[in-house]
Each structure stands twice: as structure tokens, then as C-alpha cells.
């Protein structure tokens, strides 16, 4: 008695042999090119002109609770974007990179004031370092305070050719309905 796996292989081979003998060209009209139709597995020209297809009634979906905001248009063209100002962005980067230098000068000045009393027992001239430290700290903070907004504003992307658009969208809720107007300048 042959084993089950041998019977399975022979059965699969027999099925493949039988199905390979079917030479049907088509099984539906959509598989035939042009106006031809499928008859008995063959694409043939239609015997009579096809009857006009009657329009099927469209089912109306029940109303859905809509957002009070008008829907966004789905297929608006995306405008080409460009940075607001490369100069502003570069200036901001330079200012922010100068801030650590100013803070280093302030730290060095403070350290020098501390060492001033070691070399000078009467501490004459040691108060001059306070001015340098204060100016360096204020300069460092000003560089950061001015540089960060310049980077942010300069790096902001804007459309190259901004075209004003107006979109009218219908909206509906349970209690109200209307038209929404959106103007992009």
C-alpha cells in the first residue's frame, strides 16, 4: 500500500495536469480587449450592439454628525517652500555661537578678580574686574536673546509665490448648518 505522501503528490500532479489542459482565453468580458465579449471561454466580437446600461440608483447614506468646523480641502496643490531669510538664520547662529565666548570672558574675569587679592594685598584695582564681568554676562545673554529668535524666524519656511485662495465648504451639525469660508492669504 502506497504511503499517504505519495498519494498526495500523485493527486496534486493529476490536478495540475487536468487544469493545464483547459485553454480558456477568458472568463469575463472585462478580460477581453476593446468591445469584444467572452463567450464559451473565447474573446469574440459582440453579435449585437450592447444594450445601454441603466443607471443604478445611488444609496444615500444616513447623515453623520459632522464637526462644527468646515472640512479641509483634500487635494490642494502644495506650494514650493523657501526659508524666510537665510541672512537672519546665519546671523542668529553667529550670535548664539558668540554667547559661550562672552560667558568664558565673564568667568575668566571673575577668576582674575579672585586672584587679584593674592598678588595685591591692598586690593587696589580689583574692582575693575566687576565691570568686565557684568558687561560680558550681559553680552552673552543678549547674544542668546537675539540669536535664538533670529534663527527661529529666519528658518521658518514660507511659500515662494503665495497665492490667495478662498474655499467655501458646507457644514452641518444637529442644530445648525451653513457654509464655511476660509481665506488663505
C-alpha atoms as a PDB file:
ATOM      1  CA  UNK A   1       0.000   0.000   0.000  1.00  0.00           C
ATOM      2  CA  UNK A   2       1.487   3.364  -1.040  1.00  0.00           C
ATOM      3  CA  UNK A   3       2.121   5.934   1.651  1.00  0.00           C
ATOM      4  CA  UNK A   4      -0.129   8.942   2.155  1.00  0.00           C
ATOM      5  CA  UNK A   5       2.504  11.457   0.997  1.00  0.00           C
ATOM      6  CA  UNK A   6       2.930   9.590  -2.303  1.00  0.00           C
ATOM      7  CA  UNK A   7      -0.844   9.622  -2.832  1.00  0.00           C
ATOM      8  CA  UNK A   8      -0.890  13.369  -2.091  1.00  0.00           C
ATOM      9  CA  UNK A   9       1.876  14.084  -4.592  1.00  0.00           C
ATOM     10  CA  UNK A  10       0.234  11.973  -7.298  1.00  0.00           C
ATOM     11  CA  UNK A  11      -3.153  13.610  -6.642  1.00  0.00           C
ATOM     12  CA  UNK A  12      -1.644  17.113  -6.882  1.00  0.00           C
ATOM     13  CA  UNK A  13       0.136  16.177 -10.102  1.00  0.00           C
ATOM     14  CA  UNK A  14      -3.117  14.846 -11.592  1.00  0.00           C
ATOM     15  CA  UNK A  15      -4.958  18.063 -10.679  1.00  0.00           C
ATOM     16  CA  UNK A  16      -2.215  20.179 -12.270  1.00  0.00           C
ATOM     17  CA  UNK A  17      -2.302  18.025 -15.424  1.00  0.00           C
ATOM     18  CA  UNK A  18      -6.076  18.388 -15.775  1.00  0.00           C
ATOM     19  CA  UNK A  19      -6.110  22.136 -15.145  1.00  0.00           C
ATOM     20  CA  UNK A  20      -3.254  22.745 -17.600  1.00  0.00           C
ATOM     21  CA  UNK A  21      -5.384  21.240 -20.377  1.00  0.00           C
ATOM     22  CA  UNK A  22      -8.048  23.944 -20.104  1.00  0.00           C
ATOM     23  CA  UNK A  23      -7.304  26.633 -22.702  1.00  0.00           C
ATOM     24  CA  UNK A  24      -9.910  29.194 -21.824  1.00  0.00           C
ATOM     25  CA  UNK A  25      -8.946  32.639 -23.092  1.00  0.00           C
ATOM     26  CA  UNK A  26     -11.263  34.468 -20.735  1.00  0.00           C
ATOM     27  CA  UNK A  27     -13.818  34.012 -18.035  1.00  0.00           C
ATOM     28  CA  UNK A  28     -15.365  37.528 -18.023  1.00  0.00           C
ATOM     29  CA  UNK A  29     -15.982  40.289 -20.582  1.00  0.00           C
ATOM     30  CA  UNK A  30     -13.526  42.599 -18.811  1.00  0.00           C
ATOM     31  CA  UNK A  31     -10.640  40.283 -19.695  1.00  0.00           C
ATOM     32  CA  UNK A  32     -11.201  40.846 -23.435  1.00  0.00           C
ATOM     33  CA  UNK A  33      -9.699  43.824 -25.267  1.00  0.00           C
ATOM     34  CA  UNK A  34     -11.831  46.567 -26.760  1.00  0.00           C
ATOM     35  CA  UNK A  35     -15.507  45.829 -27.428  1.00  0.00           C
ATOM     36  CA  UNK A  36     -15.055  42.059 -27.534  1.00  0.00           C
ATOM     37  CA  UNK A  37     -17.001  39.825 -25.158  1.00  0.00           C
ATOM     38  CA  UNK A  38     -16.264  36.476 -23.550  1.00  0.00           C
ATOM     39  CA  UNK A  39     -18.346  33.569 -24.890  1.00  0.00           C
ATOM     40  CA  UNK A  40     -17.502  29.958 -24.037  1.00  0.00           C
ATOM     41  CA  UNK A  41     -14.008  30.934 -22.856  1.00  0.00           C
ATOM     42  CA  UNK A  42     -13.202  32.789 -26.103  1.00  0.00           C
ATOM     43  CA  UNK A  43     -12.998  36.561 -26.751  1.00  0.00           C
ATOM     44  CA  UNK A  44     -15.279  37.256 -29.729  1.00  0.00           C
ATOM     45  CA  UNK A  45     -16.747  40.409 -31.281  1.00  0.00           C
ATOM     46  CA  UNK A  46     -20.207  41.197 -29.946  1.00  0.00           C
ATOM     47  CA  UNK A  47     -23.065  39.779 -32.069  1.00  0.00           C
ATOM     48  CA  UNK A  48     -25.291  42.782 -31.415  1.00  0.00           C
ATOM     49  CA  UNK A  49     -24.579  46.211 -30.025  1.00  0.00           C
ATOM     50  CA  UNK A  50     -24.566  46.155 -26.241  1.00  0.00           C
ATOM     51  CA  UNK A  51     -27.724  47.403 -24.598  1.00  0.00           C
ATOM     52  CA  UNK A  52     -27.368  50.679 -22.777  1.00  0.00           C
ATOM     53  CA  UNK A  53     -26.819  50.140 -19.123  1.00  0.00           C
ATOM     54  CA  UNK A  54     -29.438  51.748 -16.931  1.00  0.00           C
ATOM     55  CA  UNK A  55     -28.090  53.879 -14.151  1.00  0.00           C
ATOM     56  CA  UNK A  56     -28.316  52.166 -10.798  1.00  0.00           C
ATOM     57  CA  UNK A  57     -29.957  54.136  -8.030  1.00  0.00           C
ATOM     58  CA  UNK A  58     -27.443  55.570  -5.618  1.00  0.00           C
ATOM     59  CA  UNK A  59     -27.991  54.729  -1.999  1.00  0.00           C
ATOM     60  CA  UNK A  60     -27.955  57.770   0.225  1.00  0.00           C
ATOM     61  CA  UNK A  61     -26.015  57.310   3.442  1.00  0.00           C
ATOM     62  CA  UNK A  62     -27.625  58.486   6.649  1.00  0.00           C
ATOM     63  CA  UNK A  63     -26.308  61.834   7.884  1.00  0.00           C
ATOM     64  CA  UNK A  64     -23.260  61.625  10.094  1.00  0.00           C
ATOM     65  CA  UNK A  65     -22.651  64.026  12.953  1.00  0.00           C
ATOM     66  CA  UNK A  66     -20.200  66.449  11.408  1.00  0.00           C
ATOM     67  CA  UNK A  67     -17.564  68.575  13.016  1.00  0.00           C
ATOM     68  CA  UNK A  68     -18.570  72.189  13.603  1.00  0.00           C
ATOM     69  CA  UNK A  69     -15.517  73.145  11.570  1.00  0.00           C
ATOM     70  CA  UNK A  70     -15.539  73.008   7.778  1.00  0.00           C
ATOM     71  CA  UNK A  71     -13.581  70.100   6.287  1.00  0.00           C
ATOM     72  CA  UNK A  72     -10.140  70.734   4.895  1.00  0.00           C
ATOM     73  CA  UNK A  73      -9.838  70.501   1.111  1.00  0.00           C
ATOM     74  CA  UNK A  74      -8.071  67.241   0.300  1.00  0.00           C
ATOM     75  CA  UNK A  75      -6.345  67.973  -2.971  1.00  0.00           C
ATOM     76  CA  UNK A  76      -4.822  71.426  -2.784  1.00  0.00           C
ATOM     77  CA  UNK A  77      -1.507  71.779  -4.579  1.00  0.00           C
ATOM     78  CA  UNK A  78       1.450  72.048  -2.236  1.00  0.00           C
ATOM     79  CA  UNK A  79       3.302  75.320  -2.866  1.00  0.00           C
ATOM     80  CA  UNK A  80       7.085  75.439  -3.094  1.00  0.00           C
ATOM     81  CA  UNK A  81       8.503  76.457   0.278  1.00  0.00           C
ATOM     82  CA  UNK A  82      11.577  78.570   0.993  1.00  0.00           C
ATOM     83  CA  UNK A  83      13.236  79.869   4.180  1.00  0.00           C
ATOM     84  CA  UNK A  84      12.123  83.310   5.376  1.00  0.00           C
ATOM     85  CA  UNK A  85      15.674  84.697   5.455  1.00  0.00           C
ATOM     86  CA  UNK A  86      18.972  82.859   5.267  1.00  0.00           C
ATOM     87  CA  UNK A  87      20.756  86.006   6.483  1.00  0.00           C
ATOM     88  CA  UNK A  88      18.649  86.167   9.643  1.00  0.00           C
ATOM     89  CA  UNK A  89      19.270  82.491  10.290  1.00  0.00           C
ATOM     90  CA  UNK A  90      23.045  82.835   9.737  1.00  0.00           C
ATOM     91  CA  UNK A  91      23.187  85.952  11.949  1.00  0.00           C
ATOM     92  CA  UNK A  92      21.331  84.117  14.709  1.00  0.00           C
ATOM     93  CA  UNK A  93      23.743  81.200  14.512  1.00  0.00           C
ATOM     94  CA  UNK A  94      26.718  83.554  14.789  1.00  0.00           C
ATOM     95  CA  UNK A  95      25.184  85.376  17.778  1.00  0.00           C
ATOM     96  CA  UNK A  96      24.363  82.150  19.613  1.00  0.00           C
ATOM     97  CA  UNK A  97      27.873  80.812  18.967  1.00  0.00           C
ATOM     98  CA  UNK A  98      29.387  84.036  20.429  1.00  0.00           C
ATOM     99  CA  UNK A  99      27.453  83.622  23.689  1.00  0.00           C
ATOM    100  CA  UNK A 100      29.825  80.944  25.116  1.00  0.00           C
ATOM    101  CA  UNK A 101      32.784  83.237  24.353  1.00  0.00           C
ATOM    102  CA  UNK A 102      31.170  86.048  26.345  1.00  0.00           C
ATOM    103  CA  UNK A 103      30.398  83.666  29.214  1.00  0.00           C
ATOM    104  CA  UNK A 104      34.001  82.416  29.147  1.00  0.00           C
ATOM    105  CA  UNK A 105      35.253  86.043  29.370  1.00  0.00           C
ATOM    106  CA  UNK A 106      32.924  86.634  32.339  1.00  0.00           C
ATOM    107  CA  UNK A 107      34.209  83.504  34.111  1.00  0.00           C
ATOM    108  CA  UNK A 108      37.836  84.444  33.392  1.00  0.00           C
ATOM    109  CA  UNK A 109      37.260  87.979  34.680  1.00  0.00           C
ATOM    110  CA  UNK A 110      35.655  86.663  37.867  1.00  0.00           C
ATOM    111  CA  UNK A 111      38.561  84.269  38.411  1.00  0.00           C
ATOM    112  CA  UNK A 112      41.060  87.090  37.803  1.00  0.00           C
ATOM    113  CA  UNK A 113      39.294  89.234  40.425  1.00  0.00           C
ATOM    114  CA  UNK A 114      39.636  86.413  42.941  1.00  0.00           C
ATOM    115  CA  UNK A 115      43.368  86.142  42.210  1.00  0.00           C
ATOM    116  CA  UNK A 116      43.819  89.942  42.335  1.00  0.00           C
ATOM    117  CA  UNK A 117      43.778  89.910  46.142  1.00  0.00           C
ATOM    118  CA  UNK A 118      46.579  87.306  46.236  1.00  0.00           C
ATOM    119  CA  UNK A 119      49.089  89.492  44.359  1.00  0.00           C
ATOM    120  CA  UNK A 120      47.806  92.834  45.670  1.00  0.00           C
ATOM    121  CA  UNK A 121      47.331  92.909  49.485  1.00  0.00           C
ATOM    122  CA  UNK A 122      45.583  96.290  49.495  1.00  0.00           C
ATOM    123  CA  UNK A 123      43.239  95.106  46.627  1.00  0.00           C
ATOM    124  CA  UNK A 124      43.752  98.311  44.620  1.00  0.00           C
ATOM    125  CA  UNK A 125      42.281  97.955  41.099  1.00  0.00           C
ATOM    126  CA  UNK A 126      40.460  94.682  41.840  1.00  0.00           C
ATOM    127  CA  UNK A 127      37.057  96.341  41.452  1.00  0.00           C
ATOM    128  CA  UNK A 128      37.738  96.943  37.736  1.00  0.00           C
ATOM    129  CA  UNK A 129      37.008  93.270  37.084  1.00  0.00           C
ATOM    130  CA  UNK A 130      33.380  93.747  38.190  1.00  0.00           C
ATOM    131  CA  UNK A 131      32.689  95.950  35.150  1.00  0.00           C
ATOM    132  CA  UNK A 132      34.216  93.427  32.736  1.00  0.00           C
ATOM    133  CA  UNK A 133      32.295  90.539  34.329  1.00  0.00           C
ATOM    134  CA  UNK A 134      28.994  92.419  34.191  1.00  0.00           C
ATOM    135  CA  UNK A 135      29.468  93.539  30.577  1.00  0.00           C
ATOM    136  CA  UNK A 136      30.473  90.006  29.494  1.00  0.00           C
ATOM    137  CA  UNK A 137      27.441  88.421  31.208  1.00  0.00           C
ATOM    138  CA  UNK A 138      25.022  90.954  29.711  1.00  0.00           C
ATOM    139  CA  UNK A 139      26.640  90.490  26.263  1.00  0.00           C
ATOM    140  CA  UNK A 140      26.296  86.701  26.488  1.00  0.00           C
ATOM    141  CA  UNK A 141      22.649  86.906  27.476  1.00  0.00           C
ATOM    142  CA  UNK A 142      21.977  89.491  24.740  1.00  0.00           C
ATOM    143  CA  UNK A 143      23.610  87.224  22.143  1.00  0.00           C
ATOM    144  CA  UNK A 144      21.382  84.319  23.156  1.00  0.00           C
ATOM    145  CA  UNK A 145      18.299  86.552  23.495  1.00  0.00           C
ATOM    146  CA  UNK A 146      18.740  88.000  19.996  1.00  0.00           C
ATOM    147  CA  UNK A 147      20.223  84.933  18.275  1.00  0.00           C
ATOM    148  CA  UNK A 148      17.516  82.380  19.073  1.00  0.00           C
ATOM    149  CA  UNK A 149      14.632  84.462  17.630  1.00  0.00           C
ATOM    150  CA  UNK A 150      16.722  85.245  14.541  1.00  0.00           C
ATOM    151  CA  UNK A 151      17.289  81.520  13.975  1.00  0.00           C
ATOM    152  CA  UNK A 152      13.623  80.668  14.506  1.00  0.00           C
ATOM    153  CA  UNK A 153      12.268  83.462  12.290  1.00  0.00           C
ATOM    154  CA  UNK A 154      14.911  83.020   9.595  1.00  0.00           C
ATOM    155  CA  UNK A 155      14.406  79.235   9.410  1.00  0.00           C
ATOM    156  CA  UNK A 156      10.611  79.464   9.077  1.00  0.00           C
ATOM    157  CA  UNK A 157       9.529  78.150   5.686  1.00  0.00           C
ATOM    158  CA  UNK A 158       7.097  80.200   3.629  1.00  0.00           C
ATOM    159  CA  UNK A 159       5.528  79.686   0.196  1.00  0.00           C
ATOM    160  CA  UNK A 160       7.532  81.287  -2.607  1.00  0.00           C
ATOM    161  CA  UNK A 161       4.560  82.530  -4.595  1.00  0.00           C
ATOM    162  CA  UNK A 162       1.766  82.844  -2.103  1.00  0.00           C
ATOM    163  CA  UNK A 163      -1.480  82.775  -3.989  1.00  0.00           C
ATOM    164  CA  UNK A 164      -4.572  83.933  -2.154  1.00  0.00           C
ATOM    165  CA  UNK A 165      -7.184  81.193  -2.066  1.00  0.00           C
ATOM    166  CA  UNK A 166     -10.739  81.129  -0.841  1.00  0.00           C
ATOM    167  CA  UNK A 167     -12.555  77.890  -0.072  1.00  0.00           C
ATOM    168  CA  UNK A 168     -16.264  77.546   0.610  1.00  0.00           C
ATOM    169  CA  UNK A 169     -17.262  74.380   2.470  1.00  0.00           C
ATOM    170  CA  UNK A 170     -20.671  73.251   3.647  1.00  0.00           C
ATOM    171  CA  UNK A 171     -21.003  72.087   7.244  1.00  0.00           C
ATOM    172  CA  UNK A 172     -23.784  70.641   9.334  1.00  0.00           C
ATOM    173  CA  UNK A 173     -24.437  69.706  12.943  1.00  0.00           C
ATOM    174  CA  UNK A 174     -27.562  68.531  14.725  1.00  0.00           C
ATOM    175  CA  UNK A 175     -28.737  72.041  15.434  1.00  0.00           C
ATOM    176  CA  UNK A 176     -27.342  74.127  12.586  1.00  0.00           C
ATOM    177  CA  UNK A 177     -25.948  74.097   9.087  1.00  0.00           C
ATOM    178  CA  UNK A 178     -24.240  76.577   6.854  1.00  0.00           C
ATOM    179  CA  UNK A 179     -21.309  77.434   4.664  1.00  0.00           C
ATOM    180  CA  UNK A 180     -17.771  77.997   5.908  1.00  0.00           C
ATOM    181  CA  UNK A 181     -15.445  80.446   4.186  1.00  0.00           C
ATOM    182  CA  UNK A 182     -11.685  80.010   4.534  1.00  0.00           C
ATOM    183  CA  UNK A 183      -9.369  82.609   3.058  1.00  0.00           C
ATOM    184  CA  UNK A 184      -5.640  81.892   2.842  1.00  0.00           C
ATOM    185  CA  UNK A 185      -3.591  84.956   2.039  1.00  0.00           C
END
